[in-house]
Amino acid sequence: MQIDPLFILYVSDPDASARFYADALRAPVIFQSPSYAMLALGPSARLGLWHADDVAPAASVLPGGGELSFTLADRAALEALR
């Protein structure tokens, strides 16, 4: 079963954060907008950098908070993991 993790950090400046992490992790930026950037951390893992003011629902720790999510193939994969 393949589990694709997405690590999201709440940041004050997605552009600056994307440049920093791209350099520090030697990871390519694969998506960028004014409020969000995403870097590839290998074949399936991703790092998202979300502008803290745009997090919805609003987070209680800004910036500095974050999320961890996983993408699975389907509901059966979710049930098998559970």
PDB file of N, CA and C in Angstrom:
ATOM      1  N   MET A   1       0.842  -1.167   0.000  1.00  0.00           N
ATOM      2  CA  MET A   1       0.000   0.000   0.000  1.00  0.00           C
ATOM      3  C   MET A   1       0.895   1.242   0.000  1.00  0.00           C
ATOM      4  N   GLN A   2       0.656   2.142  -0.942  1.00  0.00           N
ATOM      5  CA  GLN A   2       1.436   3.371  -1.002  1.00  0.00           C
ATOM      6  C   GLN A   2       0.715   4.470  -0.233  1.00  0.00           C
ATOM      7  N   ILE A   3       1.452   5.138   0.646  1.00  0.00           N
ATOM      8  CA  ILE A   3       0.940   6.267   1.399  1.00  0.00           C
ATOM      9  C   ILE A   3       1.774   7.479   1.007  1.00  0.00           C
ATOM     10  N   ASP A   4       1.132   8.495   0.449  1.00  0.00           N
ATOM     11  CA  ASP A   4       1.832   9.695   0.009  1.00  0.00           C
ATOM     12  C   ASP A   4       1.652  10.798   1.045  1.00  0.00           C
ATOM     13  N   PRO A   5       2.700  11.119   1.820  1.00  0.00           N
ATOM     14  CA  PRO A   5       2.558  12.137   2.861  1.00  0.00           C
ATOM     15  C   PRO A   5       2.699  13.555   2.312  1.00  0.00           C
ATOM     16  N   LEU A   6       1.951  14.467   2.924  1.00  0.00           N
ATOM     17  CA  LEU A   6       2.050  15.893   2.647  1.00  0.00           C
ATOM     18  C   LEU A   6       2.234  16.595   3.985  1.00  0.00           C
ATOM     19  N   PHE A   7       3.373  17.234   4.152  1.00  0.00           N
ATOM     20  CA  PHE A   7       3.675  17.999   5.351  1.00  0.00           C
ATOM     21  C   PHE A   7       3.404  19.464   5.019  1.00  0.00           C
ATOM     22  N   ILE A   8       2.534  20.120   5.772  1.00  0.00           N
ATOM     23  CA  ILE A   8       2.212  21.524   5.517  1.00  0.00           C
ATOM     24  C   ILE A   8       2.687  22.356   6.697  1.00  0.00           C
ATOM     25  N   LEU A   9       3.466  23.379   6.392  1.00  0.00           N
ATOM     26  CA  LEU A   9       3.910  24.332   7.399  1.00  0.00           C
ATOM     27  C   LEU A   9       3.202  25.651   7.167  1.00  0.00           C
ATOM     28  N   TYR A  10       2.759  26.299   8.248  1.00  0.00           N
ATOM     29  CA  TYR A  10       2.154  27.619   8.157  1.00  0.00           C
ATOM     30  C   TYR A  10       3.287  28.641   8.241  1.00  0.00           C
ATOM     31  N   VAL A  11       3.409  29.466   7.231  1.00  0.00           N
ATOM     32  CA  VAL A  11       4.531  30.397   7.124  1.00  0.00           C
ATOM     33  C   VAL A  11       4.021  31.815   6.897  1.00  0.00           C
ATOM     34  N   SER A  12       4.869  32.782   7.164  1.00  0.00           N
ATOM     35  CA  SER A  12       4.481  34.176   6.948  1.00  0.00           C
ATOM     36  C   SER A  12       4.783  34.644   5.525  1.00  0.00           C
ATOM     37  N   ASP A  13       5.665  33.938   4.804  1.00  0.00           N
ATOM     38  CA  ASP A  13       6.028  34.332   3.444  1.00  0.00           C
ATOM     39  C   ASP A  13       6.314  33.070   2.622  1.00  0.00           C
ATOM     40  N   PRO A  14       5.305  32.569   1.894  1.00  0.00           N
ATOM     41  CA  PRO A  14       5.506  31.335   1.124  1.00  0.00           C
ATOM     42  C   PRO A  14       6.631  31.423   0.094  1.00  0.00           C
ATOM     43  N   ASP A  15       6.799  32.575  -0.563  1.00  0.00           N
ATOM     44  CA  ASP A  15       7.865  32.710  -1.561  1.00  0.00           C
ATOM     45  C   ASP A  15       9.242  32.565  -0.931  1.00  0.00           C
ATOM     46  N   ALA A  16       9.485  33.303   0.156  1.00  0.00           N
ATOM     47  CA  ALA A  16      10.783  33.230   0.837  1.00  0.00           C
ATOM     48  C   ALA A  16      10.998  31.841   1.422  1.00  0.00           C
ATOM     49  N   SER A  17       9.947  31.261   1.984  1.00  0.00           N
ATOM     50  CA  SER A  17      10.059  29.923   2.565  1.00  0.00           C
ATOM     51  C   SER A  17      10.359  28.889   1.485  1.00  0.00           C
ATOM     52  N   ALA A  18       9.728  29.028   0.311  1.00  0.00           N
ATOM     53  CA  ALA A  18       9.989  28.090  -0.786  1.00  0.00           C
ATOM     54  C   ALA A  18      11.446  28.176  -1.224  1.00  0.00           C
ATOM     55  N   ARG A  19      11.976  29.389  -1.331  1.00  0.00           N
ATOM     56  CA  ARG A  19      13.387  29.541  -1.711  1.00  0.00           C
ATOM     57  C   ARG A  19      14.288  28.900  -0.649  1.00  0.00           C
ATOM     58  N   PHE A  20      13.981  29.151   0.630  1.00  0.00           N
ATOM     59  CA  PHE A  20      14.795  28.594   1.712  1.00  0.00           C
ATOM     60  C   PHE A  20      14.787  27.061   1.681  1.00  0.00           C
ATOM     61  N   TYR A  21      13.597  26.461   1.668  1.00  0.00           N
ATOM     62  CA  TYR A  21      13.516  25.000   1.717  1.00  0.00           C
ATOM     63  C   TYR A  21      14.020  24.355   0.433  1.00  0.00           C
ATOM     64  N   ALA A  22      13.807  24.986  -0.707  1.00  0.00           N
ATOM     65  CA  ALA A  22      14.328  24.439  -1.960  1.00  0.00           C
ATOM     66  C   ALA A  22      15.846  24.348  -1.899  1.00  0.00           C
ATOM     67  N   ASP A  23      16.463  25.377  -1.355  1.00  0.00           N
ATOM     68  CA  ASP A  23      17.920  25.376  -1.234  1.00  0.00           C
ATOM     69  C   ASP A  23      18.393  24.405  -0.144  1.00  0.00           C
ATOM     70  N   ALA A  24      17.764  24.484   1.026  1.00  0.00           N
ATOM     71  CA  ALA A  24      18.200  23.661   2.162  1.00  0.00           C
ATOM     72  C   ALA A  24      17.987  22.169   1.914  1.00  0.00           C
ATOM     73  N   LEU A  25      16.886  21.819   1.277  1.00  0.00           N
ATOM     74  CA  LEU A  25      16.552  20.405   1.055  1.00  0.00           C
ATOM     75  C   LEU A  25      16.909  19.925  -0.354  1.00  0.00           C
ATOM     76  N   ARG A  26      17.371  20.847  -1.187  1.00  0.00           N
ATOM     77  CA  ARG A  26      17.649  20.537  -2.591  1.00  0.00           C
ATOM     78  C   ARG A  26      16.429  19.878  -3.226  1.00  0.00           C
ATOM     79  N   ALA A  27      15.286  20.538  -2.990  1.00  0.00           N
ATOM     80  CA  ALA A  27      14.002  20.016  -3.460  1.00  0.00           C
ATOM     81  C   ALA A  27      13.384  21.011  -4.441  1.00  0.00           C
ATOM     82  N   PRO A  28      12.849  20.532  -5.556  1.00  0.00           N
ATOM     83  CA  PRO A  28      12.253  21.449  -6.531  1.00  0.00           C
ATOM     84  C   PRO A  28      10.890  21.969  -6.070  1.00  0.00           C
ATOM     85  N   VAL A  29      10.636  23.229  -6.380  1.00  0.00           N
ATOM     86  CA  VAL A  29       9.309  23.807  -6.169  1.00  0.00           C
ATOM     87  C   VAL A  29       8.449  23.339  -7.336  1.00  0.00           C
ATOM     88  N   ILE A  30       7.335  22.645  -7.026  1.00  0.00           N
ATOM     89  CA  ILE A  30       6.491  22.098  -8.088  1.00  0.00           C
ATOM     90  C   ILE A  30       5.188  22.876  -8.253  1.00  0.00           C
ATOM     91  N   PHE A  31       4.889  23.768  -7.309  1.00  0.00           N
ATOM     92  CA  PHE A  31       3.716  24.628  -7.415  1.00  0.00           C
ATOM     93  C   PHE A  31       3.980  25.867  -6.589  1.00  0.00           C
ATOM     94  N   GLN A  32       3.525  27.028  -7.106  1.00  0.00           N
ATOM     95  CA  GLN A  32       3.696  28.253  -6.335  1.00  0.00           C
ATOM     96  C   GLN A  32       2.594  29.239  -6.696  1.00  0.00           C
ATOM     97  N   SER A  33       1.999  29.828  -5.651  1.00  0.00           N
ATOM     98  CA  SER A  33       1.009  30.884  -5.802  1.00  0.00           C
ATOM     99  C   SER A  33       1.298  31.906  -4.703  1.00  0.00           C
ATOM    100  N   PRO A  34       0.592  33.028  -4.659  1.00  0.00           N
ATOM    101  CA  PRO A  34       0.878  34.012  -3.609  1.00  0.00           C
ATOM    102  C   PRO A  34       0.675  33.482  -2.189  1.00  0.00           C
ATOM    103  N   SER A  35      -0.203  32.491  -2.009  1.00  0.00           N
ATOM    104  CA  SER A  35      -0.491  32.026  -0.654  1.00  0.00           C
ATOM    105  C   SER A  35      -0.018  30.604  -0.353  1.00  0.00           C
ATOM    106  N   TYR A  36       0.581  29.916  -1.340  1.00  0.00           N
ATOM    107  CA  TYR A  36       0.943  28.515  -1.124  1.00  0.00           C
ATOM    108  C   TYR A  36       2.072  28.118  -2.071  1.00  0.00           C
ATOM    109  N   ALA A  37       2.974  27.314  -1.584  1.00  0.00           N
ATOM    110  CA  ALA A  37       4.019  26.725  -2.421  1.00  0.00           C
ATOM    111  C   ALA A  37       4.162  25.259  -2.031  1.00  0.00           C
ATOM    112  N   MET A  38       4.561  24.429  -2.997  1.00  0.00           N
ATOM    113  CA  MET A  38       4.750  23.007  -2.723  1.00  0.00           C
ATOM    114  C   MET A  38       6.068  22.548  -3.320  1.00  0.00           C
ATOM    115  N   LEU A  39       6.802  21.750  -2.526  1.00  0.00           N
ATOM    116  CA  LEU A  39       8.068  21.181  -2.964  1.00  0.00           C
ATOM    117  C   LEU A  39       7.966  19.669  -2.974  1.00  0.00           C
ATOM    118  N   ALA A  40       8.655  19.032  -3.915  1.00  0.00           N
ATOM    119  CA  ALA A  40       8.719  17.576  -3.981  1.00  0.00           C
ATOM    120  C   ALA A  40       9.855  17.107  -3.086  1.00  0.00           C
ATOM    121  N   LEU A  41       9.559  16.179  -2.202  1.00  0.00           N
ATOM    122  CA  LEU A  41      10.567  15.636  -1.281  1.00  0.00           C
ATOM    123  C   LEU A  41      10.952  14.215  -1.644  1.00  0.00           C
ATOM    124  N   GLY A  42      10.849  13.874  -2.870  1.00  0.00           N
ATOM    125  CA  GLY A  42      11.142  12.520  -3.315  1.00  0.00           C
ATOM    126  C   GLY A  42      10.036  12.053  -4.235  1.00  0.00           C
ATOM    127  N   PRO A  43       9.926  10.753  -4.433  1.00  0.00           N
ATOM    128  CA  PRO A  43       8.956  10.249  -5.398  1.00  0.00           C
ATOM    129  C   PRO A  43       7.499  10.510  -5.016  1.00  0.00           C
ATOM    130  N   SER A  44       7.184  10.598  -3.721  1.00  0.00           N
ATOM    131  CA  SER A  44       5.775  10.774  -3.363  1.00  0.00           C
ATOM    132  C   SER A  44       5.535  11.768  -2.233  1.00  0.00           C
ATOM    133  N   ALA A  45       6.519  12.097  -1.440  1.00  0.00           N
ATOM    134  CA  ALA A  45       6.321  13.025  -0.321  1.00  0.00           C
ATOM    135  C   ALA A  45       6.381  14.467  -0.816  1.00  0.00           C
ATOM    136  N   ARG A  46       5.592  15.333  -0.177  1.00  0.00           N
ATOM    137  CA  ARG A  46       5.533  16.741  -0.547  1.00  0.00           C
ATOM    138  C   ARG A  46       5.618  17.617   0.698  1.00  0.00           C
ATOM    139  N   LEU A  47       6.134  18.823   0.508  1.00  0.00           N
ATOM    140  CA  LEU A  47       6.160  19.837   1.560  1.00  0.00           C
ATOM    141  C   LEU A  47       5.356  21.016   1.067  1.00  0.00           C
ATOM    142  N   GLY A  48       4.289  21.354   1.792  1.00  0.00           N
ATOM    143  CA  GLY A  48       3.469  22.509   1.456  1.00  0.00           C
ATOM    144  C   GLY A  48       3.799  23.656   2.403  1.00  0.00           C
ATOM    145  N   LEU A  49       3.830  24.849   1.867  1.00  0.00           N
ATOM    146  CA  LEU A  49       4.112  26.060   2.640  1.00  0.00           C
ATOM    147  C   LEU A  49       2.925  26.997   2.445  1.00  0.00           C
ATOM    148  N   TRP A  50       2.076  27.080   3.457  1.00  0.00           N
ATOM    149  CA  TRP A  50       0.801  27.784   3.365  1.00  0.00           C
ATOM    150  C   TRP A  50       0.897  29.087   4.130  1.00  0.00           C
ATOM    151  N   HIS A  51       0.502  30.188   3.482  1.00  0.00           N
ATOM    152  CA  HIS A  51       0.526  31.491   4.158  1.00  0.00           C
ATOM    153  C   HIS A  51      -0.367  31.407   5.391  1.00  0.00           C
ATOM    154  N   ALA A  52       0.189  31.727   6.548  1.00  0.00           N
ATOM    155  CA  ALA A  52      -0.510  31.550   7.825  1.00  0.00           C
ATOM    156  C   ALA A  52      -1.838  32.296   7.875  1.00  0.00           C
ATOM    157  N   ASP A  53      -1.930  33.459   7.235  1.00  0.00           N
ATOM    158  CA  ASP A  53      -3.174  34.235   7.262  1.00  0.00           C
ATOM    159  C   ASP A  53      -4.283  33.600   6.440  1.00  0.00           C
ATOM    160  N   ASP A  54      -3.934  32.657   5.554  1.00  0.00           N
ATOM    161  CA  ASP A  54      -4.917  32.038   4.673  1.00  0.00           C
ATOM    162  C   ASP A  54      -5.344  30.645   5.116  1.00  0.00           C
ATOM    163  N   VAL A  55      -4.813  30.158   6.227  1.00  0.00           N
ATOM    164  CA  VAL A  55      -5.162  28.816   6.707  1.00  0.00           C
ATOM    165  C   VAL A  55      -6.642  28.791   7.085  1.00  0.00           C
ATOM    166  N   ALA A  56      -7.356  27.792   6.569  1.00  0.00           N
ATOM    167  CA  ALA A  56      -8.777  27.647   6.874  1.00  0.00           C
ATOM    168  C   ALA A  56      -9.080  26.181   7.154  1.00  0.00           C
ATOM    169  N   PRO A  57      -9.754  25.874   8.240  1.00  0.00           N
ATOM    170  CA  PRO A  57     -10.159  26.819   9.279  1.00  0.00           C
ATOM    171  C   PRO A  57      -8.933  27.405   9.977  1.00  0.00           C
ATOM    172  N   ALA A  58      -9.105  28.568  10.551  1.00  0.00           N
ATOM    173  CA  ALA A  58      -8.001  29.296  11.179  1.00  0.00           C
ATOM    174  C   ALA A  58      -7.312  28.430  12.227  1.00  0.00           C
ATOM    175  N   ALA A  59      -5.999  28.483  12.200  1.00  0.00           N
ATOM    176  CA  ALA A  59      -5.202  27.713  13.162  1.00  0.00           C
ATOM    177  C   ALA A  59      -4.868  28.576  14.367  1.00  0.00           C
ATOM    178  N   SER A  60      -4.626  27.931  15.495  1.00  0.00           N
ATOM    179  CA  SER A  60      -4.335  28.671  16.715  1.00  0.00           C
ATOM    180  C   SER A  60      -2.855  29.008  16.866  1.00  0.00           C
ATOM    181  N   VAL A  61      -1.994  28.367  16.102  1.00  0.00           N
ATOM    182  CA  VAL A  61      -0.548  28.618  16.172  1.00  0.00           C
ATOM    183  C   VAL A  61      -0.104  29.151  14.814  1.00  0.00           C
ATOM    184  N   LEU A  62       0.125  30.452  14.728  1.00  0.00           N
ATOM    185  CA  LEU A  62       0.486  31.072  13.458  1.00  0.00           C
ATOM    186  C   LEU A  62       1.625  32.044  13.625  1.00  0.00           C
ATOM    187  N   PRO A  63       2.600  32.137  12.720  1.00  0.00           N
ATOM    188  CA  PRO A  63       3.057  30.982  11.962  1.00  0.00           C
ATOM    189  C   PRO A  63       3.743  29.997  12.892  1.00  0.00           C
ATOM    190  N   GLY A  64       4.079  28.877  12.401  1.00  0.00           N
ATOM    191  CA  GLY A  64       4.764  27.869  13.199  1.00  0.00           C
ATOM    192  C   GLY A  64       3.977  26.595  13.352  1.00  0.00           C
ATOM    193  N   GLY A  65       2.690  26.638  13.088  1.00  0.00           N
ATOM    194  CA  GLY A  65       1.884  25.440  13.147  1.00  0.00           C
ATOM    195  C   GLY A  65       2.034  24.652  11.857  1.00  0.00           C
ATOM    196  N   GLY A  66       1.256  23.595  11.739  1.00  0.00           N
ATOM    197  CA  GLY A  66       1.328  22.805  10.526  1.00  0.00           C
ATOM    198  C   GLY A  66       0.318  21.687  10.510  1.00  0.00           C
ATOM    199  N   GLU A  67       0.356  20.935   9.447  1.00  0.00           N
ATOM    200  CA  GLU A  67      -0.542  19.796   9.252  1.00  0.00           C
ATOM    201  C   GLU A  67       0.248  18.647   8.651  1.00  0.00           C
ATOM    202  N   LEU A  68      -0.266  17.466   8.818  1.00  0.00           N
ATOM    203  CA  LEU A  68       0.273  16.277   8.176  1.00  0.00           C
ATOM    204  C   LEU A  68      -0.910  15.535   7.579  1.00  0.00           C
ATOM    205  N   SER A  69      -0.841  15.246   6.302  1.00  0.00           N
ATOM    206  CA  SER A  69      -1.922  14.498   5.666  1.00  0.00           C
ATOM    207  C   SER A  69      -1.330  13.385   4.811  1.00  0.00           C
ATOM    208  N   PHE A  70      -2.161  12.421   4.488  1.00  0.00           N
ATOM    209  CA  PHE A  70      -1.749  11.276   3.679  1.00  0.00           C
ATOM    210  C   PHE A  70      -2.754  11.070   2.566  1.00  0.00           C
ATOM    211  N   THR A  71      -2.268  10.759   1.390  1.00  0.00           N
ATOM    212  CA  THR A  71      -3.129  10.416   0.269  1.00  0.00           C
ATOM    213  C   THR A  71      -3.066   8.908   0.077  1.00  0.00           C
ATOM    214  N   LEU A  72      -4.228   8.307   0.036  1.00  0.00           N
ATOM    215  CA  LEU A  72      -4.342   6.870  -0.189  1.00  0.00           C
ATOM    216  C   LEU A  72      -5.119   6.635  -1.469  1.00  0.00           C
ATOM    217  N   ALA A  73      -5.007   5.454  -2.012  1.00  0.00           N
ATOM    218  CA  ALA A  73      -5.617   5.145  -3.302  1.00  0.00           C
ATOM    219  C   ALA A  73      -7.141   5.244  -3.281  1.00  0.00           C
ATOM    220  N   ASP A  74      -7.774   4.764  -2.200  1.00  0.00           N
ATOM    221  CA  ASP A  74      -9.232   4.746  -2.152  1.00  0.00           C
ATOM    222  C   ASP A  74      -9.687   4.433  -0.726  1.00  0.00           C
ATOM    223  N   ARG A  75     -11.000   4.336  -0.547  1.00  0.00           N
ATOM    224  CA  ARG A  75     -11.570   4.062   0.776  1.00  0.00           C
ATOM    225  C   ARG A  75     -11.110   2.716   1.328  1.00  0.00           C
ATOM    226  N   ALA A  76     -10.981   1.723   0.452  1.00  0.00           N
ATOM    227  CA  ALA A  76     -10.518   0.392   0.893  1.00  0.00           C
ATOM    228  C   ALA A  76      -9.113   0.494   1.489  1.00  0.00           C
ATOM    229  N   ALA A  77      -8.258   1.294   0.903  1.00  0.00           N
ATOM    230  CA  ALA A  77      -6.906   1.478   1.439  1.00  0.00           C
ATOM    231  C   ALA A  77      -6.966   2.159   2.801  1.00  0.00           C
ATOM    232  N   LEU A  78      -7.870   3.132   2.953  1.00  0.00           N
ATOM    233  CA  LEU A  78      -8.043   3.785   4.245  1.00  0.00           C
ATOM    234  C   LEU A  78      -8.496   2.793   5.300  1.00  0.00           C
ATOM    235  N   GLU A  79      -9.481   1.982   4.977  1.00  0.00           N
ATOM    236  CA  GLU A  79      -9.990   0.980   5.920  1.00  0.00           C
ATOM    237  C   GLU A  79      -8.896  -0.040   6.274  1.00  0.00           C
ATOM    238  N   ALA A  80      -8.083  -0.438   5.311  1.00  0.00           N
ATOM    239  CA  ALA A  80      -7.001  -1.391   5.573  1.00  0.00           C
ATOM    240  C   ALA A  80      -5.963  -0.771   6.496  1.00  0.00           C
ATOM    241  N   LEU A  81      -5.699   0.512   6.317  1.00  0.00           N
ATOM    242  CA  LEU A  81      -4.723   1.188   7.172  1.00  0.00           C
ATOM    243  C   LEU A  81      -5.250   1.337   8.588  1.00  0.00           C
ATOM    244  N   ARG A  82      -6.530   1.639   8.696  1.00  0.00           N
ATOM    245  CA  ARG A  82      -7.157   1.829  10.008  1.00  0.00           C
ATOM    246  C   ARG A  82      -7.119   0.545  10.788  1.00  0.00           C
TER     247      ARG A  82
END
